[in-house]
N, C-alpha and C. Protein backbone atom coordinates (compact mmCIF):
# COMPACT_ATOMS: atom_id res chain seq x y z
N MET A 1 59.59 13.33 -18.03
CA MET A 1 58.67 12.66 -18.92
C MET A 1 58.01 13.67 -19.87
N ILE A 2 57.62 14.84 -19.34
CA ILE A 2 57.01 15.87 -20.19
C ILE A 2 58.00 16.34 -21.23
N LYS A 3 59.29 16.50 -20.82
CA LYS A 3 60.33 16.93 -21.77
C LYS A 3 60.46 15.94 -22.91
N ILE A 4 60.42 14.68 -22.57
CA ILE A 4 60.55 13.63 -23.59
C ILE A 4 59.37 13.70 -24.56
N LEU A 5 58.17 13.85 -24.04
CA LEU A 5 56.98 13.96 -24.89
C LEU A 5 57.06 15.18 -25.80
N LEU A 6 57.48 16.32 -25.22
CA LEU A 6 57.55 17.55 -26.00
C LEU A 6 58.60 17.46 -27.10
N GLU A 7 59.70 16.78 -26.80
CA GLU A 7 60.77 16.63 -27.80
C GLU A 7 60.37 15.66 -28.91
N SER A 8 59.52 14.70 -28.59
CA SER A 8 59.18 13.67 -29.57
C SER A 8 58.00 14.05 -30.47
N ASP A 9 57.21 15.03 -30.07
CA ASP A 9 56.03 15.40 -30.86
C ASP A 9 56.02 16.90 -31.12
N GLU A 10 56.25 17.28 -32.37
CA GLU A 10 56.35 18.70 -32.74
C GLU A 10 55.03 19.45 -32.50
N ASP A 11 53.91 18.81 -32.80
CA ASP A 11 52.60 19.47 -32.59
C ASP A 11 52.35 19.73 -31.10
N LEU A 12 52.70 18.74 -30.29
CA LEU A 12 52.54 18.89 -28.85
C LEU A 12 53.46 19.99 -28.32
N LYS A 13 54.70 20.06 -28.82
CA LYS A 13 55.63 21.11 -28.40
C LYS A 13 55.10 22.48 -28.79
N SER A 14 54.55 22.58 -29.99
CA SER A 14 54.00 23.86 -30.46
C SER A 14 52.82 24.30 -29.58
N ALA A 15 51.95 23.36 -29.26
CA ALA A 15 50.81 23.67 -28.40
C ALA A 15 51.28 24.07 -27.00
N HIS A 16 52.29 23.38 -26.49
CA HIS A 16 52.82 23.70 -25.16
C HIS A 16 53.45 25.09 -25.15
N ASP A 17 54.18 25.42 -26.20
CA ASP A 17 54.80 26.75 -26.29
C ASP A 17 53.72 27.85 -26.32
N MET A 18 52.67 27.61 -27.09
CA MET A 18 51.58 28.59 -27.14
C MET A 18 50.92 28.74 -25.76
N TYR A 19 50.76 27.62 -25.07
CA TYR A 19 50.18 27.64 -23.73
C TYR A 19 51.06 28.43 -22.77
N GLU A 20 52.36 28.20 -22.82
CA GLU A 20 53.30 28.92 -21.96
C GLU A 20 53.28 30.42 -22.27
N THR A 21 53.26 30.78 -23.54
CA THR A 21 53.20 32.19 -23.94
C THR A 21 51.91 32.82 -23.44
N PHE A 22 50.84 32.10 -23.61
CA PHE A 22 49.54 32.58 -23.16
C PHE A 22 49.55 32.82 -21.65
N ASN A 23 50.07 31.88 -20.88
CA ASN A 23 50.08 32.01 -19.43
C ASN A 23 50.94 33.17 -18.94
N ARG A 24 51.95 33.54 -19.71
CA ARG A 24 52.80 34.67 -19.31
C ARG A 24 52.17 36.01 -19.65
N ASN A 25 51.13 36.02 -20.49
CA ASN A 25 50.50 37.27 -20.92
C ASN A 25 49.25 37.51 -20.07
N ASP A 26 49.36 38.44 -19.11
CA ASP A 26 48.25 38.71 -18.20
C ASP A 26 46.99 39.18 -18.94
N GLU A 27 47.18 40.00 -19.95
CA GLU A 27 46.03 40.54 -20.68
C GLU A 27 45.27 39.41 -21.40
N LEU A 28 45.98 38.52 -22.04
CA LEU A 28 45.34 37.39 -22.72
C LEU A 28 44.65 36.47 -21.72
N ARG A 29 45.31 36.22 -20.61
CA ARG A 29 44.74 35.34 -19.59
C ARG A 29 43.45 35.95 -19.02
N GLU A 30 43.47 37.25 -18.74
CA GLU A 30 42.26 37.91 -18.24
C GLU A 30 41.14 37.88 -19.28
N TYR A 31 41.50 38.07 -20.54
CA TYR A 31 40.51 38.00 -21.61
C TYR A 31 39.88 36.60 -21.66
N ALA A 32 40.72 35.58 -21.58
CA ALA A 32 40.22 34.21 -21.64
C ALA A 32 39.32 33.90 -20.45
N LEU A 33 39.71 34.35 -19.26
CA LEU A 33 38.88 34.13 -18.08
C LEU A 33 37.54 34.87 -18.20
N ALA A 34 37.59 36.09 -18.72
CA ALA A 34 36.35 36.86 -18.91
C ALA A 34 35.45 36.17 -19.92
N ARG A 35 36.05 35.65 -20.98
CA ARG A 35 35.28 34.95 -22.00
C ARG A 35 34.65 33.69 -21.43
N GLU A 36 35.42 32.95 -20.62
CA GLU A 36 34.91 31.74 -19.99
C GLU A 36 33.75 32.07 -19.05
N LYS A 37 33.89 33.14 -18.28
CA LYS A 37 32.82 33.57 -17.38
C LYS A 37 31.58 33.96 -18.17
N TYR A 38 31.77 34.67 -19.28
CA TYR A 38 30.65 35.07 -20.13
C TYR A 38 29.92 33.83 -20.64
N GLU A 39 30.66 32.83 -21.09
CA GLU A 39 30.05 31.61 -21.61
C GLU A 39 29.27 30.87 -20.53
N ARG A 40 29.84 30.78 -19.32
CA ARG A 40 29.13 30.12 -18.21
C ARG A 40 27.87 30.87 -17.85
N ASP A 41 27.98 32.22 -17.74
CA ASP A 41 26.81 33.04 -17.40
C ASP A 41 25.73 32.92 -18.47
N ASN A 42 26.14 32.93 -19.72
CA ASN A 42 25.19 32.82 -20.82
C ASN A 42 24.49 31.46 -20.79
N LEU A 43 25.24 30.41 -20.55
CA LEU A 43 24.66 29.07 -20.44
C LEU A 43 23.68 29.00 -19.28
N HIS A 44 24.05 29.61 -18.15
CA HIS A 44 23.16 29.65 -16.99
C HIS A 44 21.86 30.38 -17.33
N ARG A 45 21.97 31.54 -17.99
CA ARG A 45 20.76 32.30 -18.37
C ARG A 45 19.88 31.48 -19.31
N GLN A 46 20.49 30.78 -20.24
CA GLN A 46 19.72 29.95 -21.17
C GLN A 46 19.00 28.82 -20.43
N ASN A 47 19.69 28.19 -19.50
CA ASN A 47 19.08 27.11 -18.72
C ASN A 47 17.92 27.63 -17.88
N MET A 48 18.11 28.78 -17.26
CA MET A 48 17.04 29.36 -16.43
C MET A 48 15.84 29.73 -17.30
N ALA A 49 16.08 30.30 -18.47
CA ALA A 49 14.99 30.67 -19.37
C ALA A 49 14.25 29.42 -19.84
N ARG A 50 14.99 28.36 -20.12
CA ARG A 50 14.37 27.10 -20.55
C ARG A 50 13.51 26.53 -19.43
N LYS A 51 14.03 26.53 -18.21
CA LYS A 51 13.25 26.01 -17.07
C LYS A 51 12.00 26.85 -16.85
N LYS A 52 12.15 28.17 -16.95
CA LYS A 52 10.99 29.05 -16.77
C LYS A 52 9.95 28.78 -17.86
N GLY A 53 10.41 28.63 -19.08
CA GLY A 53 9.50 28.34 -20.19
C GLY A 53 8.78 27.02 -20.01
N LEU A 54 9.49 26.00 -19.54
CA LEU A 54 8.87 24.71 -19.29
C LEU A 54 7.82 24.81 -18.19
N ALA A 55 8.15 25.54 -17.13
CA ALA A 55 7.19 25.71 -16.03
C ALA A 55 5.95 26.45 -16.51
N GLU A 56 6.15 27.50 -17.29
CA GLU A 56 5.01 28.25 -17.81
C GLU A 56 4.18 27.39 -18.75
N GLY A 57 4.84 26.58 -19.55
CA GLY A 57 4.13 25.69 -20.46
C GLY A 57 3.30 24.66 -19.71
N ARG A 58 3.88 24.10 -18.63
CA ARG A 58 3.13 23.14 -17.82
C ARG A 58 1.92 23.81 -17.20
N GLU A 59 2.11 25.04 -16.68
CA GLU A 59 1.00 25.75 -16.04
C GLU A 59 -0.10 26.03 -17.05
N LYS A 60 0.27 26.46 -18.26
CA LYS A 60 -0.74 26.72 -19.29
C LYS A 60 -1.48 25.44 -19.64
N GLY A 61 -0.75 24.33 -19.71
CA GLY A 61 -1.38 23.04 -19.99
C GLY A 61 -2.36 22.64 -18.91
N GLU A 62 -1.97 22.87 -17.65
CA GLU A 62 -2.86 22.57 -16.53
C GLU A 62 -4.11 23.44 -16.57
N LEU A 63 -3.92 24.73 -16.85
CA LEU A 63 -5.07 25.64 -16.94
C LEU A 63 -6.05 25.16 -18.00
N LYS A 64 -5.52 24.78 -19.14
CA LYS A 64 -6.37 24.34 -20.24
C LYS A 64 -7.17 23.10 -19.83
N LYS A 65 -6.51 22.16 -19.14
CA LYS A 65 -7.20 20.94 -18.69
C LYS A 65 -8.33 21.28 -17.73
N VAL A 66 -8.04 22.15 -16.76
CA VAL A 66 -9.06 22.46 -15.76
C VAL A 66 -10.19 23.27 -16.38
N HIS A 67 -9.87 24.19 -17.30
CA HIS A 67 -10.92 24.91 -18.03
C HIS A 67 -11.86 23.91 -18.70
N THR A 68 -11.27 22.96 -19.40
CA THR A 68 -12.05 21.97 -20.14
C THR A 68 -12.92 21.13 -19.20
N ILE A 69 -12.34 20.68 -18.10
CA ILE A 69 -13.09 19.87 -17.13
C ILE A 69 -14.27 20.64 -16.59
N LEU A 70 -14.04 21.88 -16.17
CA LEU A 70 -15.11 22.67 -15.57
C LEU A 70 -16.22 22.95 -16.58
N ILE A 71 -15.85 23.32 -17.77
CA ILE A 71 -16.87 23.60 -18.80
C ILE A 71 -17.68 22.34 -19.10
N ARG A 72 -17.01 21.21 -19.24
CA ARG A 72 -17.73 19.96 -19.54
C ARG A 72 -18.68 19.57 -18.41
N GLN A 73 -18.20 19.70 -17.18
CA GLN A 73 -19.06 19.36 -16.04
C GLN A 73 -20.31 20.23 -16.02
N LEU A 74 -20.09 21.52 -16.17
CA LEU A 74 -21.24 22.44 -16.12
C LEU A 74 -22.18 22.20 -17.30
N GLU A 75 -21.64 21.92 -18.47
CA GLU A 75 -22.50 21.68 -19.63
C GLU A 75 -23.29 20.39 -19.52
N LEU A 76 -22.75 19.40 -18.81
CA LEU A 76 -23.50 18.16 -18.61
C LEU A 76 -24.74 18.38 -17.74
N LYS A 77 -24.61 19.29 -16.80
CA LYS A 77 -25.69 19.51 -15.84
C LYS A 77 -26.54 20.74 -16.19
N TYR A 78 -25.93 21.74 -16.77
CA TYR A 78 -26.61 23.00 -17.08
C TYR A 78 -26.29 23.41 -18.51
N THR A 79 -26.95 24.44 -18.97
CA THR A 79 -26.61 25.03 -20.26
C THR A 79 -25.70 26.22 -19.99
N LEU A 80 -24.60 26.31 -20.72
CA LEU A 80 -23.68 27.43 -20.56
C LEU A 80 -23.76 28.34 -21.77
N SER A 81 -23.83 29.63 -21.52
CA SER A 81 -23.77 30.59 -22.61
C SER A 81 -22.32 30.78 -23.03
N GLU A 82 -22.10 31.39 -24.16
CA GLU A 82 -20.74 31.68 -24.62
C GLU A 82 -20.04 32.62 -23.64
N ASP A 83 -20.79 33.59 -23.08
CA ASP A 83 -20.19 34.50 -22.09
C ASP A 83 -19.72 33.74 -20.86
N GLU A 84 -20.51 32.76 -20.44
CA GLU A 84 -20.11 31.97 -19.27
C GLU A 84 -18.88 31.11 -19.58
N LYS A 85 -18.85 30.56 -20.77
CA LYS A 85 -17.65 29.79 -21.17
C LYS A 85 -16.43 30.70 -21.22
N ASN A 86 -16.61 31.87 -21.79
CA ASN A 86 -15.49 32.82 -21.87
C ASN A 86 -15.05 33.27 -20.48
N GLN A 87 -16.02 33.41 -19.57
CA GLN A 87 -15.68 33.78 -18.19
C GLN A 87 -14.77 32.72 -17.59
N ILE A 88 -15.11 31.46 -17.79
CA ILE A 88 -14.29 30.36 -17.27
C ILE A 88 -12.91 30.37 -17.94
N LEU A 89 -12.89 30.51 -19.25
CA LEU A 89 -11.62 30.49 -19.99
C LEU A 89 -10.72 31.67 -19.66
N SER A 90 -11.28 32.75 -19.16
CA SER A 90 -10.47 33.93 -18.84
C SER A 90 -9.76 33.82 -17.50
N VAL A 91 -10.16 32.84 -16.69
CA VAL A 91 -9.56 32.68 -15.36
C VAL A 91 -8.16 32.07 -15.51
N THR A 92 -7.16 32.72 -14.93
CA THR A 92 -5.78 32.22 -15.01
C THR A 92 -5.25 31.75 -13.65
N ASP A 93 -6.08 31.83 -12.63
CA ASP A 93 -5.68 31.38 -11.30
C ASP A 93 -6.10 29.92 -11.14
N LEU A 94 -5.13 29.03 -11.14
CA LEU A 94 -5.40 27.60 -11.07
C LEU A 94 -6.13 27.21 -9.78
N LYS A 95 -5.82 27.88 -8.68
CA LYS A 95 -6.49 27.57 -7.41
C LYS A 95 -7.98 27.89 -7.48
N LYS A 96 -8.32 29.02 -8.10
CA LYS A 96 -9.73 29.39 -8.25
C LYS A 96 -10.47 28.35 -9.09
N LEU A 97 -9.82 27.93 -10.16
CA LEU A 97 -10.45 26.93 -11.02
C LEU A 97 -10.64 25.61 -10.28
N ASP A 98 -9.63 25.18 -9.54
CA ASP A 98 -9.74 23.94 -8.76
C ASP A 98 -10.87 24.04 -7.74
N THR A 99 -10.99 25.18 -7.10
CA THR A 99 -12.06 25.40 -6.12
C THR A 99 -13.42 25.30 -6.80
N ALA A 100 -13.54 25.89 -7.98
CA ALA A 100 -14.81 25.83 -8.72
C ALA A 100 -15.14 24.40 -9.14
N VAL A 101 -14.13 23.64 -9.56
CA VAL A 101 -14.36 22.24 -9.94
C VAL A 101 -14.84 21.45 -8.72
N ASP A 102 -14.19 21.65 -7.58
CA ASP A 102 -14.60 20.96 -6.36
C ASP A 102 -16.01 21.37 -5.94
N ALA A 103 -16.33 22.65 -6.06
CA ALA A 103 -17.64 23.16 -5.64
C ALA A 103 -18.75 22.63 -6.54
N PHE A 104 -18.43 22.31 -7.76
CA PHE A 104 -19.43 21.82 -8.70
C PHE A 104 -20.18 20.62 -8.14
N VAL A 105 -19.48 19.76 -7.43
CA VAL A 105 -20.09 18.54 -6.91
C VAL A 105 -21.28 18.84 -6.00
N PHE A 106 -21.17 19.90 -5.19
CA PHE A 106 -22.21 20.21 -4.23
C PHE A 106 -23.06 21.42 -4.62
N ALA A 107 -22.76 22.04 -5.74
CA ALA A 107 -23.47 23.25 -6.14
C ALA A 107 -24.90 22.91 -6.58
N GLU A 108 -25.79 23.78 -6.18
CA GLU A 108 -27.20 23.60 -6.56
C GLU A 108 -27.49 24.26 -7.90
N ASP A 109 -26.65 25.20 -8.29
CA ASP A 109 -26.81 25.85 -9.59
C ASP A 109 -25.45 26.34 -10.09
N LYS A 110 -25.40 26.63 -11.38
CA LYS A 110 -24.11 27.02 -11.99
C LYS A 110 -23.61 28.38 -11.49
N GLU A 111 -24.54 29.24 -11.07
CA GLU A 111 -24.14 30.56 -10.58
C GLU A 111 -23.22 30.47 -9.36
N ARG A 112 -23.47 29.49 -8.50
CA ARG A 112 -22.62 29.32 -7.31
C ARG A 112 -21.19 28.94 -7.72
N VAL A 113 -21.08 28.17 -8.76
CA VAL A 113 -19.74 27.78 -9.25
C VAL A 113 -19.08 28.99 -9.92
N LEU A 114 -19.83 29.66 -10.78
CA LEU A 114 -19.25 30.80 -11.51
C LEU A 114 -18.86 31.94 -10.59
N LYS A 115 -19.55 32.09 -9.46
CA LYS A 115 -19.18 33.13 -8.49
C LYS A 115 -17.78 32.94 -7.93
N LEU A 116 -17.37 31.71 -7.84
CA LEU A 116 -16.05 31.39 -7.28
C LEU A 116 -14.92 31.84 -8.20
N LEU A 117 -15.25 32.09 -9.44
CA LEU A 117 -14.22 32.52 -10.39
C LEU A 117 -14.08 34.00 -10.30
C-alpha cells in the first residue's frame, strides 16, 4: 500500500526519499535529536519561568492587599505617621502581616501591632 501511494504521488515520494536519506545519516539524525531536545528544554524553561512569575505576581498582589488592610484598620482606630505606614509597607513576610492583622482586633494600641512586624 505504501509503494502504491509513493508511486502515485511525486511529492510524497520526494518527502519519503528525503526521510530515508535522513534516517541513514547518523550525523543528521543526532543533530535533529539534539535540536528537538533543545526545543523541549527551552519550552520547559519558559514554562517554569512563567509559573514562577505568576506565583511571584500573586504573592506581590497578596502583600499589597494585606498592607492596605492593615494600614486602613490602624488608621480607622489610630493616627499613623508616614514612618509607620512605610514600616508596614516594607514588610515582605506575608505571615507577619497576617499575624499583625489578626492582632489588631485585640490590640490595645498600635505599637503592639507594629511590634509584630
